[in-house]
N, C-alpha and C. Protein backbone atom coordinates (compact mmCIF):
# COMPACT_ATOMS: atom_id res chain seq x y z
N UNK A 1 19.15 -2.44 23.76
CA UNK A 1 18.77 -2.52 22.12
C UNK A 1 17.50 -3.07 22.34
N UNK A 2 17.16 -2.55 20.91
CA UNK A 2 15.73 -3.28 20.97
C UNK A 2 15.44 -4.40 19.71
N UNK A 3 14.64 -5.46 20.23
CA UNK A 3 14.85 -6.56 19.59
C UNK A 3 14.55 -6.43 17.73
N UNK A 4 14.97 -7.37 17.28
CA UNK A 4 14.74 -7.46 15.87
C UNK A 4 13.36 -7.33 15.54
N UNK A 5 12.86 -6.95 14.06
CA UNK A 5 11.49 -6.62 13.46
C UNK A 5 11.31 -7.88 13.51
N UNK A 6 9.99 -8.03 13.80
CA UNK A 6 9.18 -9.50 13.64
C UNK A 6 8.77 -9.61 12.07
N UNK A 7 8.93 -8.70 11.40
CA UNK A 7 8.58 -9.05 9.91
C UNK A 7 9.04 -8.09 8.95
N UNK A 8 9.50 -8.30 8.07
CA UNK A 8 10.32 -7.38 7.32
C UNK A 8 9.67 -7.69 5.61
N UNK A 9 9.86 -6.42 4.80
CA UNK A 9 9.42 -6.61 3.28
C UNK A 9 9.91 -7.81 2.64
N UNK A 10 8.59 -8.31 2.31
CA UNK A 10 8.52 -9.82 1.21
C UNK A 10 8.31 -10.82 2.32
N UNK A 11 8.23 -10.50 3.53
CA UNK A 11 7.38 -12.00 4.06
C UNK A 11 6.15 -11.96 3.98
N UNK A 12 5.78 -13.36 4.05
CA UNK A 12 4.35 -13.80 4.09
C UNK A 12 3.70 -13.47 5.54
N UNK A 13 2.73 -13.13 4.91
CA UNK A 13 1.71 -12.49 6.57
C UNK A 13 0.37 -13.39 6.76
N UNK A 14 0.02 -14.09 7.31
CA UNK A 14 -1.05 -14.33 7.90
C UNK A 14 -1.90 -13.17 8.27
N UNK A 15 -2.98 -12.64 7.70
CA UNK A 15 -3.85 -11.76 8.30
C UNK A 15 -5.18 -12.50 9.14
N UNK A 16 -5.20 -12.93 10.43
CA UNK A 16 -6.01 -13.92 11.08
C UNK A 16 -7.19 -13.40 10.96
N UNK A 17 -8.01 -13.40 9.87
CA UNK A 17 -9.48 -12.95 9.98
C UNK A 17 -10.33 -13.82 8.70
N UNK A 18 -11.60 -13.64 8.85
CA UNK A 18 -12.15 -14.07 7.96
C UNK A 18 -13.04 -13.36 7.41
N UNK A 19 -13.21 -11.91 7.72
CA UNK A 19 -14.22 -10.89 7.29
C UNK A 19 -13.34 -10.35 6.15
N UNK A 20 -13.97 -10.47 5.21
CA UNK A 20 -13.32 -9.81 3.58
C UNK A 20 -13.06 -8.41 3.81
N UNK A 21 -14.25 -7.57 4.50
CA UNK A 21 -14.07 -6.04 4.58
C UNK A 21 -12.67 -5.50 5.34
N UNK A 22 -12.45 -6.48 6.55
CA UNK A 22 -11.41 -6.10 7.30
C UNK A 22 -10.10 -6.55 6.93
N UNK A 23 -10.07 -7.71 6.39
CA UNK A 23 -9.04 -8.48 5.24
C UNK A 23 -8.66 -7.20 4.22
N UNK A 24 -9.56 -6.54 3.60
CA UNK A 24 -9.33 -5.58 2.72
C UNK A 24 -8.61 -4.24 3.30
N UNK A 25 -9.28 -4.01 4.35
CA UNK A 25 -8.89 -2.51 4.64
C UNK A 25 -7.36 -2.98 5.68
N UNK A 26 -7.35 -4.12 6.20
CA UNK A 26 -5.55 -4.30 6.92
C UNK A 26 -4.73 -4.31 5.46
N UNK A 27 -5.37 -4.76 4.28
CA UNK A 27 -4.09 -4.90 3.66
C UNK A 27 -3.90 -3.72 2.83
N UNK A 28 -4.78 -2.69 2.61
CA UNK A 28 -4.39 -1.31 2.27
C UNK A 28 -3.72 -0.87 3.61
N UNK A 29 -3.73 -1.04 4.66
CA UNK A 29 -2.75 -0.47 5.95
C UNK A 29 -1.42 -0.90 5.64
N UNK A 30 -1.16 -2.35 5.37
CA UNK A 30 0.03 -2.77 5.34
C UNK A 30 0.60 -2.50 4.03
N UNK A 31 0.02 -2.01 3.20
CA UNK A 31 0.76 -1.68 1.87
C UNK A 31 2.26 -0.96 1.85
N UNK A 32 2.43 -0.47 2.97
CA UNK A 32 3.64 0.22 3.15
C UNK A 32 4.92 -0.63 3.57
N UNK A 33 4.38 -1.95 4.24
CA UNK A 33 5.22 -2.99 4.16
C UNK A 33 5.59 -3.61 2.96
N UNK A 34 5.12 -3.79 1.86
CA UNK A 34 5.50 -4.91 1.00
C UNK A 34 5.60 -6.15 1.41
N UNK A 35 4.25 -6.69 1.95
CA UNK A 35 4.48 -7.74 2.32
C UNK A 35 3.50 -9.06 1.44
N UNK A 36 3.42 -10.18 1.59
CA UNK A 36 2.61 -10.88 0.66
C UNK A 36 1.62 -11.69 1.70
N UNK A 37 0.38 -10.85 1.85
CA UNK A 37 -0.77 -10.82 2.56
C UNK A 37 -1.56 -12.22 1.87
N UNK A 38 -1.96 -13.38 3.02
CA UNK A 38 -2.58 -14.39 2.92
C UNK A 38 -4.03 -14.30 4.19
N UNK A 39 -5.25 -14.59 3.93
CA UNK A 39 -5.99 -14.42 4.87
C UNK A 39 -6.65 -15.59 5.64
N UNK A 40 -6.90 -15.85 6.90
CA UNK A 40 -7.26 -17.15 7.24
C UNK A 40 -8.43 -17.91 6.59
N UNK A 41 -9.19 -16.92 6.18
CA UNK A 41 -10.43 -17.45 5.34
C UNK A 41 -9.72 -18.00 3.93
N UNK A 42 -8.77 -17.50 3.63
CA UNK A 42 -8.50 -17.91 2.24
C UNK A 42 -7.45 -19.61 2.33
N UNK A 43 -7.07 -19.13 3.74
CA UNK A 43 -6.15 -20.55 4.10
C UNK A 43 -7.10 -21.91 4.58
N UNK A 44 -8.21 -21.16 4.82
CA UNK A 44 -9.30 -22.42 5.36
C UNK A 44 -8.85 -22.46 6.77
N UNK A 45 -8.65 -21.73 7.36
CA UNK A 45 -8.09 -21.61 9.14
C UNK A 45 -9.60 -21.72 9.91
N UNK A 46 -9.66 -22.41 10.88
CA UNK A 46 -10.80 -22.51 11.90
C UNK A 46 -10.80 -20.79 12.74
N UNK A 47 -11.61 -20.55 13.10
CA UNK A 47 -12.09 -19.37 13.72
C UNK A 47 -11.95 -20.03 15.05
N UNK A 48 -10.96 -19.37 16.06
CA UNK A 48 -10.66 -19.92 17.34
C UNK A 48 -12.07 -18.97 18.25
N UNK A 49 -12.19 -19.52 19.41
CA UNK A 49 -13.33 -19.05 20.17
C UNK A 49 -12.52 -17.66 20.87
N UNK A 50 -13.43 -16.98 20.92
CA UNK A 50 -12.80 -15.47 21.60
C UNK A 50 -13.12 -15.75 23.10
N UNK A 51 -12.30 -15.83 23.87
CA UNK A 51 -12.56 -16.14 25.21
C UNK A 51 -11.76 -15.23 26.08
N UNK A 52 -11.08 -14.31 25.35
CA UNK A 52 -10.67 -12.87 26.32
C UNK A 52 -11.71 -12.11 26.89
N UNK A 53 -10.95 -11.41 27.64
CA UNK A 53 -12.01 -10.19 28.05
C UNK A 53 -11.58 -8.73 27.85
N UNK A 54 -10.89 -8.76 26.91
CA UNK A 54 -10.30 -7.39 26.32
C UNK A 54 -9.90 -7.59 25.06
N UNK A 55 -9.93 -6.54 24.22
CA UNK A 55 -9.60 -6.51 22.52
C UNK A 55 -8.13 -7.43 22.65
N UNK A 56 -7.33 -6.50 23.27
CA UNK A 56 -6.11 -7.42 23.44
C UNK A 56 -5.74 -8.77 23.55
N UNK A 57 -5.99 -9.42 24.64
CA UNK A 57 -6.37 -10.81 24.97
C UNK A 57 -6.70 -11.45 23.70
N UNK A 58 -8.31 -11.10 23.04
CA UNK A 58 -8.72 -11.48 22.17
C UNK A 58 -7.82 -11.59 20.43
N UNK A 59 -7.08 -10.41 20.14
CA UNK A 59 -6.32 -10.39 19.27
C UNK A 59 -4.93 -11.53 19.35
N UNK A 60 -4.56 -11.38 20.82
CA UNK A 60 -3.27 -12.44 20.75
C UNK A 60 -3.84 -13.61 20.58
N UNK A 61 -4.94 -14.25 21.01
CA UNK A 61 -5.67 -15.60 20.83
C UNK A 61 -5.62 -15.85 19.60
N UNK A 62 -6.26 -14.93 18.45
CA UNK A 62 -6.50 -15.03 17.24
C UNK A 62 -5.10 -15.41 16.39
N UNK A 63 -3.91 -14.44 16.77
CA UNK A 63 -2.84 -14.36 15.95
C UNK A 63 -2.09 -15.85 16.19
N UNK A 64 -2.13 -16.26 17.74
CA UNK A 64 -1.40 -17.39 17.80
C UNK A 64 -2.03 -18.71 17.65
N UNK A 65 -3.23 -18.61 17.08
CA UNK A 65 -3.96 -20.05 16.74
C UNK A 65 -3.68 -19.85 14.80
N UNK A 66 -3.53 -18.95 14.44
CA UNK A 66 -3.07 -18.39 13.01
C UNK A 66 -1.40 -19.03 12.90
N UNK A 67 -0.63 -18.65 13.74
CA UNK A 67 0.69 -19.13 13.84
C UNK A 67 1.16 -20.55 13.99
N UNK A 68 0.12 -20.73 14.98
CA UNK A 68 0.37 -22.83 15.50
C UNK A 68 -0.47 -23.40 14.18
N UNK A 69 -1.18 -22.59 13.03
CA UNK A 69 -1.72 -23.76 12.20
C UNK A 69 -1.04 -23.57 11.07
N UNK A 70 0.16 -22.50 10.94
CA UNK A 70 0.33 -22.19 9.83
C UNK A 70 1.78 -22.16 9.59
N UNK A 71 2.62 -21.83 11.01
CA UNK A 71 4.18 -21.84 10.70
C UNK A 71 4.43 -20.43 10.56
N UNK A 72 3.54 -19.39 10.19
CA UNK A 72 4.13 -18.15 9.44
C UNK A 72 3.50 -17.10 10.46
N UNK A 73 4.51 -15.99 10.22
CA UNK A 73 3.93 -14.77 10.98
C UNK A 73 2.64 -14.93 10.81
N UNK A 74 1.62 -13.83 11.84
CA UNK A 74 0.26 -13.43 11.59
C UNK A 74 -0.21 -12.26 12.33
N UNK A 75 -0.81 -11.50 11.69
CA UNK A 75 -1.64 -10.67 12.22
C UNK A 75 -3.13 -10.37 12.52
N UNK A 76 -3.35 -10.26 13.68
CA UNK A 76 -5.00 -10.38 14.22
C UNK A 76 -5.04 -8.89 14.85
N UNK A 77 -6.63 -8.74 14.53
CA UNK A 77 -7.20 -7.70 14.97
C UNK A 77 -8.29 -8.06 15.66
N UNK A 78 -8.64 -7.44 16.81
CA UNK A 78 -9.62 -7.44 17.56
C UNK A 78 -10.19 -6.22 17.84
N UNK A 79 -11.67 -5.70 17.35
CA UNK A 79 -11.94 -4.50 17.46
C UNK A 79 -13.54 -4.53 17.66
N UNK A 80 -14.10 -3.50 18.10
CA UNK A 80 -15.44 -3.49 18.46
C UNK A 80 -16.09 -1.88 18.91
N UNK A 81 -16.83 -1.69 18.88
CA UNK A 81 -18.02 -0.56 19.36
C UNK A 81 -18.17 -0.76 21.07
N UNK A 82 -17.98 0.59 21.58
CA UNK A 82 -18.08 0.78 22.93
C UNK A 82 -19.09 2.04 23.05
N UNK A 83 -20.15 1.73 23.49
CA UNK A 83 -21.24 2.51 23.46
C UNK A 83 -21.36 2.92 24.86
N UNK A 84 -21.49 4.47 25.46
CA UNK A 84 -21.25 4.97 26.98
C UNK A 84 -22.53 4.35 27.44
N UNK A 85 -23.63 4.80 26.68
CA UNK A 85 -25.16 4.83 27.38
C UNK A 85 -25.26 3.44 27.63
N UNK A 86 -24.81 2.27 26.71
CA UNK A 86 -24.76 0.90 27.07
C UNK A 86 -23.80 0.30 28.14
N UNK A 87 -23.16 1.05 28.61
CA UNK A 87 -22.03 0.55 29.45
C UNK A 87 -21.12 -0.05 28.90
N UNK A 88 -20.67 0.83 27.93
CA UNK A 88 -19.61 0.01 26.91
C UNK A 88 -19.89 -1.22 25.78
N UNK A 89 -20.96 -1.61 26.04
CA UNK A 89 -21.43 -2.50 25.29
C UNK A 89 -21.80 -1.90 23.77
N UNK A 90 -21.27 -2.91 22.64
CA UNK A 90 -21.73 -4.16 22.79
C UNK A 90 -19.45 -4.71 23.13
N UNK A 91 -19.11 -3.71 22.90
CA UNK A 91 -17.40 -3.95 23.15
C UNK A 91 -16.94 -5.22 22.56
N UNK A 92 -16.15 -6.00 23.08
CA UNK A 92 -15.92 -7.07 22.67
C UNK A 92 -16.64 -8.34 22.06
N UNK A 93 -17.88 -7.89 22.55
CA UNK A 93 -19.05 -8.73 21.69
C UNK A 93 -19.67 -8.30 20.61
N UNK A 94 -19.02 -7.16 20.23
CA UNK A 94 -19.44 -6.32 18.69
C UNK A 94 -19.98 -7.58 17.46
N UNK A 95 -18.95 -8.58 17.39
CA UNK A 95 -19.60 -9.14 16.32
C UNK A 95 -20.69 -10.40 16.78
N UNK A 96 -20.49 -10.43 17.89
CA UNK A 96 -21.74 -11.63 18.48
C UNK A 96 -23.32 -11.20 18.17
N UNK A 97 -22.95 -9.65 18.54
CA UNK A 97 -24.33 -8.86 18.39
C UNK A 97 -25.32 -8.96 16.84
N UNK A 98 -24.01 -9.40 16.21
CA UNK A 98 -24.98 -9.71 14.95
C UNK A 98 -25.21 -11.02 14.41
N UNK A 99 -25.08 -11.79 15.46
CA UNK A 99 -25.52 -13.36 15.41
C UNK A 99 -24.69 -14.22 14.35
N UNK A 100 -25.11 -15.40 14.48
CA UNK A 100 -24.31 -16.43 13.83
C UNK A 100 -24.13 -15.81 12.23
N UNK A 101 -25.09 -15.14 11.55
CA UNK A 101 -25.33 -15.16 10.32
C UNK A 101 -24.42 -13.62 10.00
N UNK A 102 -23.85 -13.05 11.31
CA UNK A 102 -23.13 -11.65 10.91
C UNK A 102 -23.70 -10.77 9.93
N UNK A 103 -25.12 -10.70 10.84
CA UNK A 103 -25.96 -9.65 10.12
C UNK A 103 -26.04 -8.42 10.97
N UNK A 104 -24.89 -7.27 10.62
CA UNK A 104 -24.66 -6.22 11.16
C UNK A 104 -25.97 -5.25 10.89
N UNK A 105 -26.86 -5.32 10.11
CA UNK A 105 -27.95 -4.42 10.20
C UNK A 105 -28.76 -5.00 11.33
N UNK A 106 -29.08 -6.26 11.35
CA UNK A 106 -29.87 -6.46 12.67
C UNK A 106 -28.51 -6.06 14.29
N UNK A 107 -27.56 -6.24 14.07
CA UNK A 107 -26.47 -5.36 14.79
C UNK A 107 -27.02 -3.96 15.74
N UNK A 108 -26.99 -3.40 14.07
CA UNK A 108 -27.20 -1.78 14.53
C UNK A 108 -28.47 -1.68 15.05
N UNK A 109 -29.71 -2.50 14.57
CA UNK A 109 -30.87 -2.14 15.08
C UNK A 109 -31.00 -2.71 16.29
N UNK A 110 -30.38 -3.47 17.04
CA UNK A 110 -30.27 -3.64 18.43
C UNK A 110 -29.67 -2.99 19.33
N UNK A 111 -28.83 -2.00 18.60
CA UNK A 111 -27.96 -1.10 19.44
C UNK A 111 -28.87 0.13 19.37
N UNK A 112 -29.64 0.61 18.40
CA UNK A 112 -30.43 1.25 18.36
C UNK A 112 -31.68 1.25 19.37
N UNK A 113 -32.15 -0.09 19.37
CA UNK A 113 -33.25 -0.20 20.35
C UNK A 113 -33.04 -0.31 21.67
N UNK A 114 -31.41 -0.56 21.88
CA UNK A 114 -31.22 -0.41 23.31
C UNK A 114 -30.96 0.88 23.65
N UNK A 115 -30.37 2.25 22.78
CA UNK A 115 -30.32 3.36 23.31
C UNK A 115 -32.03 3.66 23.40
N UNK A 116 -32.88 3.56 22.56
CA UNK A 116 -34.11 4.20 22.32
C UNK A 116 -34.54 3.64 24.05
N UNK A 117 -34.05 2.63 24.53
CA UNK A 117 -35.28 2.10 25.57
C UNK A 117 -34.31 2.70 26.95
N UNK A 118 -33.13 3.55 26.56
CA UNK A 118 -32.48 4.16 27.71
C UNK A 118 -32.54 5.77 27.56
N UNK A 119 -33.55 6.09 26.55
CA UNK A 119 -33.90 7.44 26.30
C UNK A 119 -32.36 8.22 25.80
N UNK A 120 -31.48 7.41 25.10
CA UNK A 120 -30.49 8.25 24.77
C UNK A 120 -30.62 8.77 23.47
N UNK A 121 -31.08 10.04 23.12
CA UNK A 121 -31.42 10.63 22.36
C UNK A 121 -30.49 11.59 21.54
N UNK A 122 -29.86 12.26 22.29
CA UNK A 122 -29.19 13.31 22.15
C UNK A 122 -27.89 12.87 21.69
N UNK A 123 -26.84 13.81 20.70
CA UNK A 123 -25.92 13.22 20.51
C UNK A 123 -24.89 13.25 21.63
N UNK A 124 -24.86 13.98 22.64
CA UNK A 124 -24.02 13.65 23.81
C UNK A 124 -24.34 12.26 24.49
N UNK A 125 -25.81 12.32 24.34
CA UNK A 125 -26.12 10.61 24.80
C UNK A 125 -25.80 9.68 24.11
N UNK A 126 -25.79 9.81 22.98
CA UNK A 126 -25.24 8.55 22.04
C UNK A 126 -23.66 8.29 21.65
N UNK A 127 -22.76 9.23 22.47
CA UNK A 127 -21.34 9.01 22.42
C UNK A 127 -21.26 7.54 22.47
N UNK A 128 -20.19 7.23 21.52
CA UNK A 128 -19.57 6.07 21.02
C UNK A 128 -17.99 6.10 20.87
N UNK A 129 -17.65 4.91 21.14
CA UNK A 129 -16.13 4.95 20.58
C UNK A 129 -15.74 3.56 19.68
N UNK A 130 -15.02 3.45 18.62
CA UNK A 130 -14.45 2.12 18.24
C UNK A 130 -13.09 2.00 18.66
N UNK A 131 -12.81 0.59 19.17
CA UNK A 131 -11.44 0.37 19.40
C UNK A 131 -10.95 -0.45 18.88
N UNK A 132 -9.64 -0.76 18.59
CA UNK A 132 -8.94 -1.73 18.34
C UNK A 132 -7.78 -2.16 18.61
N UNK A 133 -7.50 -3.44 18.52
CA UNK A 133 -6.04 -3.91 19.40
C UNK A 133 -5.42 -5.00 18.16
N UNK A 134 -4.26 -4.59 17.64
CA UNK A 134 -3.40 -5.63 17.05
C UNK A 134 -2.32 -6.15 17.43
N UNK A 135 -2.57 -7.70 17.13
CA UNK A 135 -1.68 -8.44 18.05
C UNK A 135 -0.69 -8.91 16.63
N UNK A 136 0.75 -8.63 16.47
CA UNK A 136 1.57 -9.13 15.75
C UNK A 136 2.50 -10.37 16.34
N UNK A 137 2.42 -11.59 15.92
CA UNK A 137 3.07 -12.69 16.35
C UNK A 137 3.77 -13.38 15.43
N UNK A 138 4.96 -13.97 15.87
CA UNK A 138 5.93 -14.75 15.11
C UNK A 138 6.30 -16.33 15.50
N UNK A 139 6.69 -16.96 14.72
CA UNK A 139 6.79 -18.40 14.84
C UNK A 139 7.86 -18.61 16.04
N UNK A 140 8.77 -17.73 16.28
CA UNK A 140 9.69 -17.77 17.11
C UNK A 140 9.33 -17.72 18.91
N UNK A 141 8.07 -17.11 18.62
CA UNK A 141 7.67 -17.11 19.97
C UNK A 141 7.27 -15.48 20.46
N UNK A 142 7.99 -14.50 19.95
CA UNK A 142 7.61 -13.30 20.05
C UNK A 142 6.28 -12.81 19.59
N UNK A 143 5.77 -11.79 20.08
CA UNK A 143 4.59 -10.95 19.93
C UNK A 143 4.51 -9.59 20.62
N UNK A 144 3.84 -8.58 19.92
CA UNK A 144 3.38 -7.27 20.16
C UNK A 144 1.68 -6.88 19.78
N UNK A 145 1.58 -6.10 20.85
CA UNK A 145 0.13 -5.71 20.79
C UNK A 145 0.05 -3.74 20.55
N UNK A 146 -0.69 -3.73 19.61
CA UNK A 146 -0.91 -2.00 19.43
C UNK A 146 -2.56 -1.94 19.45
N UNK A 147 -2.75 -0.62 20.08
CA UNK A 147 -4.01 -0.13 20.24
C UNK A 147 -4.36 1.15 19.81
N UNK A 148 -5.46 1.47 18.98
CA UNK A 148 -5.97 2.39 18.72
C UNK A 148 -7.48 2.95 19.08
N UNK A 149 -7.79 4.21 19.35
CA UNK A 149 -9.30 4.43 19.60
C UNK A 149 -9.62 5.55 18.54
N UNK A 150 -11.09 5.80 18.24
CA UNK A 150 -11.37 7.21 17.79
C UNK A 150 -13.21 6.99 18.40
N UNK A 151 -13.02 8.17 18.81
CA UNK A 151 -14.16 8.80 19.70
C UNK A 151 -15.15 9.21 18.68
N UNK A 152 -16.50 9.38 18.94
CA UNK A 152 -17.56 9.76 18.41
C UNK A 152 -18.91 9.39 18.68
N UNK A 153 -19.92 9.55 18.01
CA UNK A 153 -21.29 9.39 18.11
C UNK A 153 -21.79 8.45 17.11
N UNK A 154 -23.19 8.01 17.46
CA UNK A 154 -23.93 7.12 16.84
C UNK A 154 -25.17 7.94 16.19
N UNK A 155 -25.61 7.28 15.10
CA UNK A 155 -26.83 8.36 14.02
C UNK A 155 -27.62 7.17 13.90
N UNK A 156 -28.75 7.64 13.82
CA UNK A 156 -29.84 6.74 13.13
C UNK A 156 -30.89 7.20 12.11
N UNK A 157 -31.07 7.30 11.02
CA UNK A 157 -30.80 5.55 10.62
C UNK A 157 -29.35 5.61 10.10
N UNK A 158 -28.82 4.48 10.18
CA UNK A 158 -27.86 4.16 9.20
C UNK A 158 -27.48 4.95 7.97
N UNK A 159 -26.22 5.25 7.55
CA UNK A 159 -26.03 6.16 6.30
C UNK A 159 -24.62 5.20 5.54
N UNK A 160 -25.01 5.19 4.59
CA UNK A 160 -23.85 4.78 3.58
C UNK A 160 -23.71 3.51 3.56
N UNK A 161 -22.81 2.73 2.48
CA UNK A 161 -22.45 1.63 2.13
C UNK A 161 -21.34 1.20 1.82
N UNK A 162 -20.54 1.92 2.53
CA UNK A 162 -19.04 1.45 2.36
C UNK A 162 -18.46 1.23 3.90
N UNK A 163 -17.21 0.84 3.92
CA UNK A 163 -16.73 0.03 5.45
C UNK A 163 -17.63 -1.09 5.54
N UNK A 164 -17.80 -1.59 6.85
CA UNK A 164 -18.52 -2.83 7.27
C UNK A 164 -19.03 -2.56 8.66
N UNK A 165 -19.48 -3.48 9.29
CA UNK A 165 -19.97 -3.46 10.46
C UNK A 165 -20.65 -2.60 10.53
N UNK A 166 -20.26 -1.40 11.76
CA UNK A 166 -21.23 -0.90 12.57
C UNK A 166 -20.93 0.59 11.99
N UNK A 167 -20.14 0.73 10.87
CA UNK A 167 -19.55 1.78 10.09
C UNK A 167 -20.72 2.63 9.95
N UNK A 168 -21.92 2.20 9.13
CA UNK A 168 -23.00 3.43 8.82
C UNK A 168 -23.78 3.98 9.89
N UNK A 169 -23.16 3.71 11.16
CA UNK A 169 -24.54 4.34 12.32
C UNK A 169 -23.20 5.08 13.26
N UNK A 170 -21.81 5.28 12.88
CA UNK A 170 -21.15 5.54 13.57
C UNK A 170 -20.13 7.06 13.03
N UNK A 171 -20.21 8.36 13.74
CA UNK A 171 -19.40 9.62 13.14
C UNK A 171 -18.74 9.79 14.12
N UNK A 172 -17.07 9.93 13.59
CA UNK A 172 -16.13 10.20 14.58
C UNK A 172 -16.13 11.77 14.79
N UNK A 173 -15.67 11.75 15.96
CA UNK A 173 -15.72 13.45 16.27
C UNK A 173 -15.19 14.43 15.35
N UNK A 174 -15.78 15.26 15.27
CA UNK A 174 -15.26 16.48 14.27
C UNK A 174 -15.66 16.18 12.89
N UNK A 175 -16.45 14.93 12.61
CA UNK A 175 -17.09 15.16 11.12
C UNK A 175 -18.30 15.20 10.99
N UNK A 176 -18.95 14.94 9.99
CA UNK A 176 -20.32 15.13 9.93
C UNK A 176 -20.96 13.77 9.13
N UNK A 177 -19.82 12.95 8.29
CA UNK A 177 -20.30 11.46 7.50
C UNK A 177 -19.99 10.65 8.31
N UNK A 178 -20.63 9.48 8.15
CA UNK A 178 -20.20 8.16 9.06
C UNK A 178 -19.57 7.49 8.18
N UNK A 179 -18.76 6.47 9.10
CA UNK A 179 -17.31 5.93 8.24
C UNK A 179 -18.15 4.96 7.04
N UNK A 180 -19.70 4.75 7.12
CA UNK A 180 -20.21 4.22 6.12
C UNK A 180 -20.06 5.11 4.60
N UNK A 181 -20.20 6.44 4.98
CA UNK A 181 -20.07 7.43 3.86
C UNK A 181 -18.94 7.93 3.50
N UNK A 182 -17.75 7.68 4.06
CA UNK A 182 -16.51 8.11 3.89
C UNK A 182 -15.83 7.26 2.73
N UNK A 183 -15.16 8.21 2.14
CA UNK A 183 -14.29 7.52 1.13
C UNK A 183 -13.21 6.56 2.18
N UNK A 184 -12.89 5.08 1.39
CA UNK A 184 -11.95 4.70 2.36
C UNK A 184 -10.66 5.23 2.94
N UNK A 185 -9.86 6.26 1.73
CA UNK A 185 -8.58 6.97 2.28
C UNK A 185 -8.88 7.71 3.51
N UNK A 186 -10.37 8.34 3.45
CA UNK A 186 -10.67 9.55 4.38
C UNK A 186 -10.72 9.05 6.10
N UNK A 187 -11.37 7.24 5.95
CA UNK A 187 -11.48 6.74 7.23
C UNK A 187 -10.29 6.59 7.52
N UNK A 188 -9.34 5.60 6.49
CA UNK A 188 -8.18 5.31 7.22
C UNK A 188 -7.46 6.48 7.83
N UNK A 189 -7.67 7.75 7.40
CA UNK A 189 -6.32 8.68 8.21
C UNK A 189 -7.25 8.56 9.58
N UNK A 190 -8.21 8.19 9.77
CA UNK A 190 -8.63 9.02 11.32
C UNK A 190 -9.33 7.64 11.88
N UNK A 191 -9.02 6.66 11.33
CA UNK A 191 -9.92 5.29 12.24
C UNK A 191 -9.30 4.72 13.15
N UNK A 192 -9.56 3.91 13.96
CA UNK A 192 -9.31 3.20 15.28
C UNK A 192 -7.94 2.22 14.84
N UNK A 193 -8.63 1.46 13.76
CA UNK A 193 -7.53 0.68 12.84
C UNK A 193 -6.40 1.36 12.76
N UNK A 194 -6.59 2.35 12.05
CA UNK A 194 -5.34 3.32 11.51
C UNK A 194 -4.60 3.95 12.75
N UNK A 195 -5.14 3.87 14.00
CA UNK A 195 -4.33 4.54 14.77
C UNK A 195 -3.53 3.03 15.36
N UNK A 196 -4.09 2.44 15.42
CA UNK A 196 -3.40 0.83 15.80
C UNK A 196 -2.24 0.57 14.67
N UNK A 197 -2.63 0.65 13.70
CA UNK A 197 -1.41 0.52 12.57
C UNK A 197 -0.04 1.43 12.46
N UNK A 198 -0.79 2.80 13.19
CA UNK A 198 0.04 3.97 13.43
C UNK A 198 1.01 3.40 14.24
N UNK A 199 1.12 2.66 15.27
CA UNK A 199 1.98 2.24 16.54
C UNK A 199 2.72 1.20 16.06
N UNK A 200 1.99 0.30 15.03
CA UNK A 200 2.84 -1.08 14.35
C UNK A 200 3.62 -0.51 13.40
N UNK A 201 3.08 0.68 12.19
CA UNK A 201 4.35 0.72 11.47
C UNK A 201 5.51 1.51 11.96
N UNK A 202 5.40 2.40 13.07
CA UNK A 202 6.10 3.28 13.49
C UNK A 202 7.34 2.36 14.39
N UNK A 203 6.63 0.88 15.03
CA UNK A 203 7.35 0.05 15.56
C UNK A 203 8.51 -0.63 14.62
N UNK A 204 7.99 -1.16 13.64
CA UNK A 204 8.70 -1.73 12.36
C UNK A 204 9.57 -0.90 11.61
N UNK A 205 9.02 0.36 11.50
CA UNK A 205 10.02 1.69 10.89
C UNK A 205 11.46 1.59 11.86
N UNK A 206 11.14 1.50 12.78
CA UNK A 206 12.24 2.02 14.19
C UNK A 206 13.17 0.71 13.87
N UNK A 207 12.62 -0.58 14.10
CA UNK A 207 13.44 -1.63 14.29
C UNK A 207 14.38 -1.44 12.78
N UNK A 208 13.75 -1.41 11.81
CA UNK A 208 14.19 -1.63 10.34
C UNK A 208 15.64 -0.35 10.23
N UNK A 209 15.44 0.17 10.88
CA UNK A 209 16.10 1.82 10.86
C UNK A 209 17.78 1.14 10.87
């Protein structure tokens, strides 16, 4: 017999993020669940140090920090860009490449300079993927992790001002527009975060059936 659902429609859920773009995207993906969403930033919660060695470990760390601080269920996302030619970097350190000011224009330049240094010039040589791990944690001690990936390649210069983070330099396989150029609904249909949310929604749908 499956365990009861961690959250149900009407619950208040903390999205354990201080990134407004990420919070907005997660809120849109959570819309089918009819939850009351509040972010860690809105609540003035501190940002825990991300000491995990995987996306899943860091998602768990952030979710449990929010649960302990609020006594509410919490959802945390840890995601990042893995670039094949850079030995899967920046990976779990994707945000750190943007520095304390979270300057992703700088982070994208850093990646481009690293690719140029390795003479990664062709589309094939610039293969990359976005990875997302979601952790849904409940004050009763239960938690679940859902993961998603989208494959693609990097372009330069960056294109588009939609999305956030590395979106303007990432093109998903089978597409020509960067995530920074895509309509949000089109991005939601194929992104790494959407794939992880599909697992989350399927799990909650089965549990509430």
